[in-house]
Protein backbone atom coordinates (compact mmCIF):
# COMPACT_ATOMS: atom_id res chain seq x y z
CA MET A 1 34.70 -9.95 -9.92
CA LEU A 2 33.85 -7.55 -7.32
CA ILE A 3 34.12 -4.36 -8.10
CA LEU A 4 34.80 -3.33 -4.39
CA LYS A 5 38.17 -5.65 -4.41
CA ARG A 6 41.42 -3.82 -4.30
CA HIS A 7 44.05 -4.58 -6.85
CA HIS A 8 47.47 -2.85 -7.10
CA ASP A 9 51.12 -3.23 -8.17
CA GLU A 10 53.79 -3.90 -5.75
CA PRO A 11 55.50 -0.69 -4.90
CA GLY A 12 58.53 -0.28 -7.00
CA THR A 13 56.99 -2.11 -9.82
CA GLY A 14 58.19 -0.28 -13.35
CA PRO A 15 55.22 1.23 -15.44
CA GLY A 16 53.83 -1.28 -17.94
CA THR A 17 54.55 -4.21 -16.02
CA LEU A 18 52.16 -6.96 -16.37
CA LEU A 19 50.71 -8.79 -13.41
CA ALA A 20 48.19 -11.33 -13.54
CA PRO A 21 45.07 -10.73 -11.32
CA LYS A 22 45.17 -12.25 -7.76
CA ILE A 23 41.72 -13.87 -8.34
CA LYS A 24 41.46 -16.34 -10.93
CA LEU A 25 38.08 -16.87 -12.74
CA LEU A 26 39.00 -18.83 -15.73
CA GLU A 27 41.11 -21.95 -15.65
CA ASN A 28 41.83 -21.40 -19.62
CA THR A 29 42.22 -18.39 -21.39
CA THR A 30 39.71 -18.61 -24.75
CA VAL A 31 40.04 -16.25 -28.05
CA GLU A 32 37.06 -15.75 -30.34
CA LEU A 33 37.58 -14.00 -33.45
CA ILE A 34 34.57 -12.58 -35.60
CA GLN A 35 35.32 -11.12 -38.84
CA PHE A 36 32.58 -9.49 -40.95
CA ASN A 37 31.24 -6.79 -43.59
CA LYS A 38 27.98 -6.63 -45.75
CA LYS A 39 28.36 -9.91 -47.44
CA PHE A 40 30.86 -11.65 -45.08
CA TYR A 41 30.67 -13.30 -41.73
CA LYS A 42 33.00 -15.62 -39.96
CA GLU A 43 33.36 -16.77 -36.40
CA VAL A 44 36.00 -19.12 -34.95
CA VAL A 45 37.88 -19.96 -31.72
CA LEU A 46 41.56 -18.92 -32.14
CA GLU A 47 44.29 -21.48 -30.97
CA ASN A 48 46.99 -18.82 -31.68
CA ILE A 49 46.62 -15.14 -32.31
CA ASP A 50 48.63 -15.22 -36.05
CA SER A 51 45.65 -17.00 -37.38
CA SER A 52 43.58 -13.77 -36.56
CA LEU A 53 45.42 -11.90 -39.32
CA SER A 54 44.08 -13.94 -42.00
CA SER A 55 40.98 -13.15 -43.95
CA GLU A 56 39.19 -14.17 -47.22
CA ASN A 57 38.72 -10.28 -47.62
CA ASP A 58 40.61 -7.45 -46.74
CA ASN A 59 37.78 -5.08 -46.21
CA VAL A 60 36.52 -6.66 -43.27
CA ILE A 61 35.98 -5.77 -39.57
CA THR A 62 37.90 -7.86 -36.81
CA TRP A 63 36.50 -8.43 -33.48
CA ILE A 64 38.70 -10.62 -31.00
CA ASN A 65 37.30 -11.23 -27.78
CA VAL A 66 39.45 -12.54 -25.23
CA SER A 67 38.12 -14.19 -21.91
CA GLY A 68 40.55 -14.97 -19.23
CA LEU A 69 43.07 -12.71 -17.92
CA HIS A 70 45.83 -15.02 -16.38
CA ASP A 71 47.71 -15.71 -19.54
CA ILE A 72 50.22 -12.98 -19.40
CA GLU A 73 52.21 -14.32 -22.23
CA LEU A 74 49.18 -14.18 -24.55
CA ILE A 75 48.26 -10.53 -23.44
CA ARG A 76 51.78 -9.42 -24.33
CA GLU A 77 51.52 -11.11 -27.87
CA PHE A 78 48.63 -9.44 -28.58
CA GLY A 79 50.38 -6.15 -27.31
CA GLU A 80 53.20 -6.92 -29.79
CA GLN A 81 51.11 -8.05 -32.55
CA TYR A 82 48.60 -5.43 -32.52
CA ASN A 83 51.24 -2.68 -31.18
CA LEU A 84 48.78 -2.13 -28.17
CA HIS A 85 50.51 0.46 -25.50
CA LYS A 86 52.09 -1.04 -22.66
CA LEU A 87 50.48 0.95 -19.87
CA ALA A 88 46.95 0.06 -21.52
CA LEU A 89 47.85 -3.54 -21.19
CA GLU A 90 48.95 -2.99 -17.46
CA ASP A 91 45.17 -1.24 -16.75
CA LEU A 92 43.44 -4.22 -18.59
CA LEU A 93 45.01 -6.48 -15.76
CA ASN A 94 44.09 -3.95 -12.82
CA LEU A 95 40.59 -5.35 -11.93
CA ALA A 96 39.76 -2.18 -9.77
CA GLN A 97 40.31 -0.12 -12.84
CA ARG A 98 38.15 3.21 -13.05
CA PRO A 99 35.76 3.32 -16.27
CA LYS A 100 38.00 5.70 -18.51
CA MET A 101 39.24 6.37 -22.09
CA GLU A 102 42.91 6.93 -23.53
CA GLN A 103 44.11 7.78 -26.79
CA TYR A 104 47.18 6.41 -28.12
CA ASP A 105 48.63 6.99 -31.54
CA ASP A 106 46.78 4.15 -33.39
CA HIS A 107 44.09 2.99 -31.16
CA LEU A 108 41.82 4.02 -28.29
CA PHE A 109 41.82 2.12 -24.98
CA VAL A 110 38.54 2.05 -23.23
CA VAL A 111 37.71 0.43 -19.69
CA PHE A 112 34.29 0.06 -18.28
CA LYS A 113 32.36 -2.28 -15.83
CA MET A 114 29.59 -4.49 -17.05
CA ALA A 115 27.09 -5.45 -14.29
CA LYS A 116 26.08 -9.50 -14.01
CA GLY A 117 23.62 -11.00 -11.87
CA GLN A 118 21.38 -9.50 -9.08
CA SER A 119 23.94 -7.38 -7.76
CA PRO A 120 26.09 -4.59 -8.84
CA GLU A 121 28.73 -5.86 -6.35
CA GLN A 122 29.43 -8.39 -8.93
CA ALA A 123 30.65 -6.60 -11.93
CA GLU A 124 33.25 -7.64 -14.59
CA GLN A 125 35.48 -5.52 -16.16
CA VAL A 126 35.75 -5.09 -19.68
CA ALA A 127 38.87 -3.50 -21.71
CA MET A 128 38.49 -2.36 -25.31
CA PHE A 129 40.86 -1.24 -27.88
CA ILE A 130 39.48 0.23 -30.88
CA ALA A 131 41.47 0.68 -33.99
CA ASP A 132 40.87 0.91 -37.55
CA LYS A 133 38.92 -2.29 -38.46
CA LEU A 134 39.72 -4.00 -35.63
CA LEU A 135 38.27 -4.34 -32.09
CA ILE A 136 39.88 -6.05 -29.54
CA THR A 137 38.02 -6.94 -25.83
CA PHE A 138 39.46 -8.69 -22.87
CA GLN A 139 36.90 -9.94 -20.29
CA GLU A 140 37.39 -11.90 -16.80
CA MET A 141 34.95 -14.34 -17.73
CA LYS A 142 32.83 -16.12 -20.64
CA GLY A 143 29.07 -15.47 -21.07
CA ASP A 144 27.88 -11.92 -20.82
CA VAL A 145 25.58 -9.27 -21.54
CA PHE A 146 27.18 -8.95 -24.94
CA GLU A 147 25.62 -12.28 -26.21
CA PRO A 148 22.86 -10.27 -27.97
CA VAL A 149 25.30 -8.39 -29.93
CA LYS A 150 27.00 -11.83 -31.13
CA ARG A 151 23.42 -12.92 -32.21
CA ARG A 152 22.92 -9.78 -34.34
CA LEU A 153 25.74 -10.03 -36.19
CA PRO A 154 25.37 -13.10 -38.45
CA LEU A 155 21.47 -11.65 -39.38
CA GLY A 156 23.24 -9.37 -42.17
CA LYS A 157 20.45 -6.64 -42.27
CA ASN A 158 21.64 -4.54 -39.72
CA ARG A 159 23.66 -1.30 -39.20
CA LEU A 160 26.46 -3.51 -37.43
CA ARG A 161 27.41 -5.20 -40.47
CA LYS A 162 27.50 -2.21 -42.53
CA SER A 163 29.61 -0.06 -39.86
CA GLY A 164 32.95 0.00 -38.61
CA SER A 165 34.74 -1.46 -35.65
CA ASP A 166 33.57 2.19 -33.72
CA PHE A 167 29.97 1.21 -34.11
CA LEU A 168 30.49 -2.21 -33.08
CA ALA A 169 32.31 -0.76 -29.48
CA TYR A 170 29.32 1.51 -29.38
CA ALA A 171 26.85 -1.46 -29.45
CA LEU A 172 28.59 -3.25 -26.75
CA ILE A 173 28.93 -0.49 -24.35
CA ASP A 174 25.30 0.41 -25.34
CA GLN A 175 24.38 -3.22 -24.20
CA SER A 176 26.38 -2.88 -21.05
CA VAL A 177 24.55 0.23 -20.07
CA ASP A 178 21.00 -0.98 -21.26
CA GLU A 179 21.50 -4.06 -18.77
CA LEU A 180 21.59 -1.84 -15.81
CA TYR A 181 17.94 -1.10 -16.31
CA PRO A 182 16.70 -4.51 -15.30
CA LEU A 183 19.03 -3.99 -12.38
CA LEU A 184 17.46 -0.80 -11.07
CA GLU A 185 14.04 -2.36 -11.37
CA ARG A 186 14.95 -4.96 -9.22
CA TYR A 187 15.96 -2.23 -6.54
CA SER A 188 12.81 -0.43 -7.13
CA GLU A 189 10.73 -3.43 -6.27
CA LEU A 190 13.03 -4.18 -3.26
CA ILE A 191 12.50 -0.83 -1.84
CA GLU A 192 8.31 -0.93 -2.36
CA GLU A 193 8.84 -4.44 -0.27
CA LEU A 194 10.82 -3.05 2.51
CA GLU A 195 8.46 -0.14 2.57
CA GLU A 196 5.35 -2.28 3.02
CA LYS A 197 7.36 -4.46 5.82
CA MET A 198 8.33 -1.50 7.48
CA MET A 199 4.60 0.00 7.79
CA ASP A 200 3.53 -3.13 8.76
CA LYS A 201 5.81 -4.85 11.15
CA PRO A 202 9.46 -2.99 11.37
CA GLY A 203 12.01 -5.26 12.25
CA ARG A 204 15.94 -5.66 12.62
CA GLU A 205 16.19 -7.44 9.32
CA GLN A 206 14.35 -4.98 7.64
CA LEU A 207 17.19 -2.67 8.62
CA GLU A 208 19.89 -5.08 7.50
CA ASP A 209 17.94 -4.91 4.18
CA VAL A 210 18.17 -1.52 3.85
CA HIS A 211 21.94 -1.40 4.38
CA ARG A 212 22.44 -4.14 2.00
CA LEU A 213 20.23 -1.65 -0.51
CA LYS A 214 22.43 1.31 0.25
CA ARG A 215 25.80 -0.82 -0.44
CA GLY A 216 24.39 -1.96 -3.90
CA LEU A 217 23.35 1.44 -4.97
CA LEU A 218 26.80 2.90 -3.85
CA ALA A 219 28.12 -0.09 -6.07
CA LEU A 220 25.99 0.85 -8.87
CA LYS A 221 26.74 4.68 -8.84
CA ARG A 222 30.43 3.37 -9.04
CA ILE A 223 29.65 2.09 -12.34
CA ILE A 224 27.43 4.76 -13.94
CA TRP A 225 28.78 7.93 -12.81
CA PRO A 226 32.49 7.13 -14.32
CA GLU A 227 31.04 5.65 -17.53
CA ARG A 228 28.99 8.72 -17.96
CA GLU A 229 32.23 10.49 -17.91
CA LEU A 230 33.99 7.95 -20.10
CA ILE A 231 31.06 8.39 -22.99
CA ASN A 232 31.14 12.05 -22.45
CA LYS A 233 35.08 11.98 -23.31
CA LEU A 234 34.59 9.59 -26.53
CA LEU A 235 31.77 12.33 -27.70
CA ARG A 236 34.19 15.26 -27.04
CA ASP A 237 37.81 14.28 -28.22
CA GLU A 238 38.74 14.50 -31.53
CA SER A 239 39.68 11.06 -32.93
CA ALA A 240 39.47 9.62 -36.74
CA LEU A 241 38.70 6.35 -34.98
CA ILE A 242 35.04 7.27 -34.09
CA CYS A 243 33.09 8.93 -36.54
CA ASP A 244 30.51 11.21 -36.63
CA ASP A 245 27.43 8.74 -37.14
CA SER A 246 28.96 6.69 -34.12
CA LYS A 247 29.22 9.65 -32.09
CA LEU A 248 25.24 10.26 -32.97
CA TYR A 249 24.40 7.08 -31.34
CA LEU A 250 27.06 7.43 -28.29
CA ARG A 251 25.00 10.76 -27.49
CA ASP A 252 21.96 8.61 -27.23
CA VAL A 253 23.88 5.94 -25.07
CA HIS A 254 25.38 9.33 -22.78
CA ASP A 255 21.52 10.28 -22.17
CA HIS A 256 20.84 6.88 -20.93
CA THR A 257 23.97 6.96 -18.33
CA VAL A 258 22.03 10.49 -17.43
CA GLN A 259 19.15 8.71 -16.73
CA LEU A 260 20.38 6.01 -14.70
CA VAL A 261 22.37 8.67 -12.75
CA GLU A 262 19.14 10.24 -11.75
CA ILE A 263 17.31 7.09 -10.98
CA THR A 264 20.24 5.72 -8.79
CA GLU A 265 20.28 8.93 -6.88
CA THR A 266 16.62 8.91 -6.50
CA TYR A 267 16.84 4.98 -5.19
CA ARG A 268 19.39 6.44 -2.79
CA ASP A 269 17.37 9.39 -1.33
CA MET A 270 14.39 6.85 -0.93
CA THR A 271 16.88 3.92 0.86
CA MET A 272 17.72 6.96 3.19
CA ASP A 273 14.00 7.69 3.61
CA LEU A 274 13.32 3.86 4.86
CA VAL A 275 16.03 4.34 7.52
CA ASP A 276 13.76 7.35 8.83
CA LEU A 277 10.46 5.20 8.12
CA TYR A 278 12.43 2.55 10.26
CA LEU A 279 13.22 4.99 13.11
CA SER A 280 9.47 6.31 12.66
CA SER A 281 7.82 2.92 12.69
CA VAL A 282 9.75 1.94 15.57
CA SER A 283 8.97 5.06 17.61
CA ASN A 284 5.34 4.66 16.64
CA HIS A 285 5.34 1.05 17.79
CA MET A 286 6.91 1.80 21.19
CA ASN A 287 4.38 4.70 21.73
CA GLU A 288 1.82 2.35 21.21
CA VAL A 289 3.30 -0.06 23.61
CA MET A 290 3.81 2.79 26.28
CA LYS A 291 0.08 4.18 25.44
CA VAL A 292 -1.32 0.74 26.71
CA LEU A 293 0.75 0.36 29.53
CA THR A 294 -0.07 3.84 30.49
CA MET A 295 -3.76 3.29 30.25
CA ILE A 296 -3.11 0.09 32.29
CA ALA A 297 -1.45 1.94 34.97
CA THR A 298 -4.17 4.46 35.03
CA ILE A 299 -7.02 2.19 35.29
CA PHE A 300 -5.10 0.40 38.22
CA ILE A 301 -4.14 3.74 40.12
CA PRO A 302 -7.86 4.23 41.70
CA MET A 303 -8.02 0.56 42.38
CA THR A 304 -4.72 0.68 44.31
CA PHE A 305 -6.06 3.96 46.07
CA ILE A 306 -9.17 1.81 47.20
CA ALA A 307 -7.06 -1.35 48.24
CA GLY A 308 -4.71 0.93 50.17
CA ILE A 309 -7.46 2.77 52.10
CA TYR A 310 -9.12 -0.50 53.44
CA GLY A 311 -5.69 -2.22 53.74
CA MET A 312 -4.80 0.28 56.41
CA ASN A 313 -6.75 -2.01 59.08
CA PHE A 314 -7.98 0.82 61.31
CA ASN A 315 -10.78 -1.19 63.41
CA THR A 316 -11.00 0.81 66.60
CA ALA A 317 -14.70 0.39 67.58
CA SER A 318 -14.49 2.99 70.45
CA SER A 319 -12.99 5.55 67.68
CA PRO A 320 -15.74 7.69 65.82
CA TRP A 321 -13.05 7.56 62.51
CA SER A 322 -13.34 3.69 62.73
CA MET A 323 -13.71 1.77 59.29
CA PRO A 324 -17.31 0.22 59.70
CA GLU A 325 -17.21 -1.40 56.26
CA LEU A 326 -14.40 -3.88 57.72
CA GLN A 327 -17.09 -5.60 59.70
CA TRP A 328 -19.77 -5.07 56.95
CA TYR A 329 -21.10 -8.17 55.19
CA TRP A 330 -21.19 -6.63 51.77
CA GLY A 331 -17.93 -4.57 52.46
CA TYR A 332 -15.45 -6.81 50.36
CA PRO A 333 -17.90 -7.13 47.17
CA LEU A 334 -18.57 -3.31 47.63
CA ALA A 335 -14.98 -2.62 47.18
CA LEU A 336 -14.46 -5.02 44.17
CA GLY A 337 -17.37 -3.35 42.59
CA SER A 338 -16.19 -0.15 43.27
CA MET A 339 -12.78 -0.95 41.70
CA LEU A 340 -14.55 -2.46 38.24
CA ALA A 341 -16.88 0.51 38.03
CA MET A 342 -13.82 2.86 38.29
CA ALA A 343 -12.16 0.80 35.41
CA VAL A 344 -15.09 0.76 33.35
CA VAL A 345 -15.51 4.60 33.66
CA MET A 346 -12.38 5.17 32.71
CA LEU A 347 -12.24 2.82 29.61
CA VAL A 348 -15.47 4.68 28.57
CA TYR A 349 -13.85 8.06 29.18
CA PHE A 350 -10.59 7.14 27.36
CA LYS A 351 -12.69 5.66 24.46
CA ARG A 352 -14.80 8.99 24.04
CA LYS A 353 -11.30 10.69 23.99
CA THR A 354 -10.44 8.29 21.30
CA TRP A 355 -7.37 7.49 23.46
CA LEU A 356 -7.72 3.81 22.74
């Protein structure tokens, strides 16, 4: 479920060949069927895909949600039953697929990423087939951000029950895009916390946190930028499967993706500024240490000078240049007192110069 994982077909594999993903996230594949219109609603778990064709009313919207991508025979049956293009079926099994939209004769194929959890590096790929009164979605795992849409459908008095499969597809895409906002808010909080820590006491741990933030924002960018292009393509392409009313709502989703792109870029710049702040804080801290050490060395220089003079031990009584302090009773206390006085004078001087 990591968007940074690499999955590719073996060299020489023919186009349309269905290969199961290398990472198996679900033991069993489940198929959920939801059928509805203004007055009718049904939700069941299917045992075989033939039962999905039965309905009490022909004028219903059918949503089939498949969780788990390792049952290749089931996916092949879906392709045969609903005339899904083989290249689209191959793409839905490629978990490193870039968000995109492909238009075929009687259906649209859409792939996008759905962020889950606290990290965009853990994102689920969703493949979606949009046809007349039919929507088929394929997911890697059960339990996702689509639950709010599923809870709205049985209520009856909402636009979902009155619209077609294209509006349902819009609602699912919109829900996956809106789920990115709490994730970005979490990144905002992390950036503020790191900024405070770096101003207070910068360390290697904070630098590692910054690099994790950079990787997360890069992963988020790999989700949002292609999805903006995907929605833009849904708006531009002339397809009878996407009505004008749904495009009006898709424009709103496009605005959200543009906003998310801008926020992500802003946070990436702020993260880069955190690196500069770390280096600046470390440099300032080092300067403070060097400042203290320099002052200590400066204070001890005159003390060392006095100690050096009296350490020469020139005590020739017949010489006019003898050192009488060596024989004086108060000579030693005088030397120590002079050293202490010089240290105090220098500290007062540093204080007045605001060097301390």
